[in-house]
C-alpha atoms as a PDB file:
ATOM      1  CA  UNK A   1       0.000   0.000   0.000  1.00  0.00           C
ATOM      2  CA  UNK A   2       1.516   3.326  -0.990  1.00  0.00           C
ATOM      3  CA  UNK A   3       1.159   6.651   0.795  1.00  0.00           C
ATOM      4  CA  UNK A   4      -1.207   8.122  -1.819  1.00  0.00           C
ATOM      5  CA  UNK A   5      -3.597   5.172  -1.550  1.00  0.00           C
ATOM      6  CA  UNK A   6      -3.589   5.310   2.232  1.00  0.00           C
ATOM      7  CA  UNK A   7      -4.190   9.059   2.276  1.00  0.00           C
ATOM      8  CA  UNK A   8      -6.924   8.876  -0.377  1.00  0.00           C
ATOM      9  CA  UNK A   9      -8.799   5.907   1.071  1.00  0.00           C
ATOM     10  CA  UNK A  10      -8.173   6.788   4.691  1.00  0.00           C
ATOM     11  CA  UNK A  11      -6.710   4.344   7.151  1.00  0.00           C
ATOM     12  CA  UNK A  12      -8.341   0.951   7.389  1.00  0.00           C
ATOM     13  CA  UNK A  13      -9.420  -0.277  10.781  1.00  0.00           C
ATOM     14  CA  UNK A  14      -6.182  -1.343  12.480  1.00  0.00           C
ATOM     15  CA  UNK A  15      -6.043  -4.668  14.233  1.00  0.00           C
ATOM     16  CA  UNK A  16      -4.695  -4.967  17.739  1.00  0.00           C
ATOM     17  CA  UNK A  17      -1.400  -6.321  16.379  1.00  0.00           C
ATOM     18  CA  UNK A  18      -1.073  -3.432  13.903  1.00  0.00           C
ATOM     19  CA  UNK A  19      -1.642  -0.925  16.704  1.00  0.00           C
ATOM     20  CA  UNK A  20       1.181  -2.552  18.658  1.00  0.00           C
ATOM     21  CA  UNK A  21       3.454  -2.258  15.602  1.00  0.00           C
ATOM     22  CA  UNK A  22       2.555   1.430  15.285  1.00  0.00           C
ATOM     23  CA  UNK A  23       3.302   1.976  18.977  1.00  0.00           C
ATOM     24  CA  UNK A  24       6.686   0.261  18.639  1.00  0.00           C
ATOM     25  CA  UNK A  25       7.562   2.350  15.580  1.00  0.00           C
ATOM     26  CA  UNK A  26       6.454   5.507  17.381  1.00  0.00           C
ATOM     27  CA  UNK A  27       8.652   4.628  20.363  1.00  0.00           C
ATOM     28  CA  UNK A  28      11.661   3.894  18.146  1.00  0.00           C
ATOM     29  CA  UNK A  29      11.301   7.120  16.142  1.00  0.00           C
ATOM     30  CA  UNK A  30      10.832   9.203  19.283  1.00  0.00           C
ATOM     31  CA  UNK A  31      13.774   7.637  21.090  1.00  0.00           C
ATOM     32  CA  UNK A  32      16.242   7.684  18.199  1.00  0.00           C
ATOM     33  CA  UNK A  33      15.729  11.358  17.376  1.00  0.00           C
ATOM     34  CA  UNK A  34      17.394  10.930  13.978  1.00  0.00           C
ATOM     35  CA  UNK A  35      16.008   9.259  10.890  1.00  0.00           C
ATOM     36  CA  UNK A  36      15.562   5.496  11.095  1.00  0.00           C
ATOM     37  CA  UNK A  37      15.771   3.269   8.032  1.00  0.00           C
ATOM     38  CA  UNK A  38      12.711   1.246   7.077  1.00  0.00           C
ATOM     39  CA  UNK A  39      14.628  -2.022   7.489  1.00  0.00           C
ATOM     40  CA  UNK A  40      15.436  -1.092  11.109  1.00  0.00           C
ATOM     41  CA  UNK A  41      11.763  -0.319  11.771  1.00  0.00           C
ATOM     42  CA  UNK A  42      10.837  -3.665  10.213  1.00  0.00           C
ATOM     43  CA  UNK A  43      13.323  -5.405  12.512  1.00  0.00           C
ATOM     44  CA  UNK A  44      11.892  -3.555  15.515  1.00  0.00           C
ATOM     45  CA  UNK A  45       8.392  -4.925  14.866  1.00  0.00           C
ATOM     46  CA  UNK A  46       9.618  -8.309  13.617  1.00  0.00           C
ATOM     47  CA  UNK A  47       7.934  -7.948  10.225  1.00  0.00           C
ATOM     48  CA  UNK A  48       8.921  -7.347   6.611  1.00  0.00           C
ATOM     49  CA  UNK A  49       9.577  -3.875   5.195  1.00  0.00           C
ATOM     50  CA  UNK A  50       6.214  -3.676   3.401  1.00  0.00           C
ATOM     51  CA  UNK A  51       4.345  -4.298   6.658  1.00  0.00           C
ATOM     52  CA  UNK A  52       6.540  -1.782   8.466  1.00  0.00           C
ATOM     53  CA  UNK A  53       5.908   0.813   5.753  1.00  0.00           C
ATOM     54  CA  UNK A  54       2.145   0.328   6.034  1.00  0.00           C
ATOM     55  CA  UNK A  55       2.374   0.793   9.798  1.00  0.00           C
ATOM     56  CA  UNK A  56       4.471   3.952   9.400  1.00  0.00           C
ATOM     57  CA  UNK A  57       2.027   5.378   6.859  1.00  0.00           C
ATOM     58  CA  UNK A  58      -0.917   4.719   9.190  1.00  0.00           C
ATOM     59  CA  UNK A  59       0.986   6.404  11.996  1.00  0.00           C
ATOM     60  CA  UNK A  60       1.822   9.374   9.750  1.00  0.00           C
ATOM     61  CA  UNK A  61      -1.871   9.688   8.861  1.00  0.00           C
ATOM     62  CA  UNK A  62      -2.850   9.684  12.552  1.00  0.00           C
ATOM     63  CA  UNK A  63      -0.382  12.462  13.297  1.00  0.00           C
ATOM     64  CA  UNK A  64      -1.589  14.506  10.315  1.00  0.00           C
ATOM     65  CA  UNK A  65      -5.323  14.158  10.969  1.00  0.00           C
ATOM     66  CA  UNK A  66      -4.916  14.685  14.698  1.00  0.00           C
ATOM     67  CA  UNK A  67      -3.236  18.102  14.203  1.00  0.00           C
ATOM     68  CA  UNK A  68      -0.568  17.180  16.725  1.00  0.00           C
ATOM     69  CA  UNK A  69       2.653  19.000  17.500  1.00  0.00           C
ATOM     70  CA  UNK A  70       4.713  16.153  16.113  1.00  0.00           C
ATOM     71  CA  UNK A  71       4.924  14.724  12.626  1.00  0.00           C
ATOM     72  CA  UNK A  72       6.719  11.894  10.896  1.00  0.00           C
ATOM     73  CA  UNK A  73       8.708  12.761   7.800  1.00  0.00           C
ATOM     74  CA  UNK A  74       9.788  10.370   5.075  1.00  0.00           C
ATOM     75  CA  UNK A  75      13.424  10.879   4.072  1.00  0.00           C
ATOM     76  CA  UNK A  76      14.405   8.611   1.158  1.00  0.00           C
ATOM     77  CA  UNK A  77      14.061   5.117   2.665  1.00  0.00           C
ATOM     78  CA  UNK A  78      13.942   6.257   6.294  1.00  0.00           C
ATOM     79  CA  UNK A  79      11.579   8.067   8.649  1.00  0.00           C
ATOM     80  CA  UNK A  80      12.045  10.687  11.337  1.00  0.00           C
ATOM     81  CA  UNK A  81       9.785  12.085  14.037  1.00  0.00           C
ATOM     82  CA  UNK A  82      10.050  15.839  14.464  1.00  0.00           C
ATOM     83  CA  UNK A  83       8.074  18.845  15.620  1.00  0.00           C
ATOM     84  CA  UNK A  84       5.894  20.735  13.194  1.00  0.00           C
ATOM     85  CA  UNK A  85       7.487  23.873  11.780  1.00  0.00           C
ATOM     86  CA  UNK A  86       4.507  26.053  12.766  1.00  0.00           C
ATOM     87  CA  UNK A  87       5.479  25.586  16.424  1.00  0.00           C
ATOM     88  CA  UNK A  88       9.040  26.885  15.934  1.00  0.00           C
ATOM     89  CA  UNK A  89       8.368  30.203  17.708  1.00  0.00           C
ATOM     90  CA  UNK A  90       6.884  28.390  20.705  1.00  0.00           C
ATOM     91  CA  UNK A  91       9.934  26.153  20.952  1.00  0.00           C
ATOM     92  CA  UNK A  92      12.312  29.105  20.745  1.00  0.00           C
ATOM     93  CA  UNK A  93      10.544  30.780  23.676  1.00  0.00           C
ATOM     94  CA  UNK A  94      11.212  27.757  25.840  1.00  0.00           C
ATOM     95  CA  UNK A  95      14.710  26.998  24.555  1.00  0.00           C
ATOM     96  CA  UNK A  96      15.931  30.577  24.939  1.00  0.00           C
ATOM     97  CA  UNK A  97      14.598  30.998  28.498  1.00  0.00           C
ATOM     98  CA  UNK A  98      17.483  31.238  30.966  1.00  0.00           C
ATOM     99  CA  UNK A  99      18.012  28.086  32.961  1.00  0.00           C
ATOM    100  CA  UNK A 100      17.891  28.270  36.732  1.00  0.00           C
ATOM    101  CA  UNK A 101      21.264  27.446  38.272  1.00  0.00           C
ATOM    102  CA  UNK A 102      21.094  24.664  40.817  1.00  0.00           C
ATOM    103  CA  UNK A 103      23.807  24.630  43.467  1.00  0.00           C
ATOM    104  CA  UNK A 104      24.915  21.283  44.850  1.00  0.00           C
ATOM    105  CA  UNK A 105      25.537  20.726  48.551  1.00  0.00           C
ATOM    106  CA  UNK A 106      29.297  20.893  47.950  1.00  0.00           C
ATOM    107  CA  UNK A 107      29.035  24.240  46.173  1.00  0.00           C
ATOM    108  CA  UNK A 108      26.681  25.615  48.844  1.00  0.00           C
ATOM    109  CA  UNK A 109      29.084  24.511  51.567  1.00  0.00           C
ATOM    110  CA  UNK A 110      31.973  26.213  49.772  1.00  0.00           C
ATOM    111  CA  UNK A 111      29.891  29.352  49.256  1.00  0.00           C
ATOM    112  CA  UNK A 112      29.022  29.409  52.961  1.00  0.00           C
ATOM    113  CA  UNK A 113      32.696  29.238  53.897  1.00  0.00           C
ATOM    114  CA  UNK A 114      33.523  32.061  51.496  1.00  0.00           C
ATOM    115  CA  UNK A 115      30.681  34.221  52.819  1.00  0.00           C
ATOM    116  CA  UNK A 116      31.624  33.654  56.449  1.00  0.00           C
ATOM    117  CA  UNK A 117      35.423  33.827  56.215  1.00  0.00           C
ATOM    118  CA  UNK A 118      35.982  36.328  53.393  1.00  0.00           C
ATOM    119  CA  UNK A 119      38.487  37.230  52.217  1.00  0.00           C
ATOM    120  CA  UNK A 120      39.587  33.607  51.956  1.00  0.00           C
ATOM    121  CA  UNK A 121      41.897  31.620  49.687  1.00  0.00           C
ATOM    122  CA  UNK A 122      41.206  28.299  48.046  1.00  0.00           C
ATOM    123  CA  UNK A 123      43.824  26.704  50.301  1.00  0.00           C
ATOM    124  CA  UNK A 124      41.970  27.937  53.399  1.00  0.00           C
ATOM    125  CA  UNK A 125      38.662  26.605  52.026  1.00  0.00           C
ATOM    126  CA  UNK A 126      40.265  23.213  51.450  1.00  0.00           C
ATOM    127  CA  UNK A 127      41.688  23.221  54.979  1.00  0.00           C
ATOM    128  CA  UNK A 128      38.237  23.930  56.464  1.00  0.00           C
ATOM    129  CA  UNK A 129      36.437  21.371  54.262  1.00  0.00           C
ATOM    130  CA  UNK A 130      39.203  18.770  54.512  1.00  0.00           C
ATOM    131  CA  UNK A 131      39.003  17.950  50.785  1.00  0.00           C
ATOM    132  CA  UNK A 132      39.996  19.497  47.465  1.00  0.00           C
ATOM    133  CA  UNK A 133      37.673  22.290  46.411  1.00  0.00           C
ATOM    134  CA  UNK A 134      38.813  23.002  42.858  1.00  0.00           C
ATOM    135  CA  UNK A 135      35.498  22.113  41.216  1.00  0.00           C
ATOM    136  CA  UNK A 136      33.341  23.972  43.745  1.00  0.00           C
ATOM    137  CA  UNK A 137      35.431  27.148  43.548  1.00  0.00           C
ATOM    138  CA  UNK A 138      35.507  27.029  39.752  1.00  0.00           C
ATOM    139  CA  UNK A 139      31.734  26.497  39.636  1.00  0.00           C
ATOM    140  CA  UNK A 140      31.219  29.619  41.752  1.00  0.00           C
END
């Protein structure tokens, strides 16, 4: 079954087994991040390439008709899951937001020593802590 036929006729009623194949393919595409060759998808579901292609096309149709944020693209003889281009601005807002710095217990301990004993050298910090403090001081 080719993509045009599937899109024109609409997806047939999937059996339970076919839904499992689609779920496996979805998991593989999501996890891999890059494009995955059809033969690898076929191996993942334990079927031939034609069966895997039908499952991928059904999955693509579900993503397209559901107006979801993700889509599956066909790239030569491989497939890749990616976000839809119309959500690019939304993604940039999240990706460009400054990340909150999290201080570990070691860094907080070192910071406390510096705040209490300032001015203080790294050697004095190490003497108080009893261990090397290179990483903590550099992190601060």
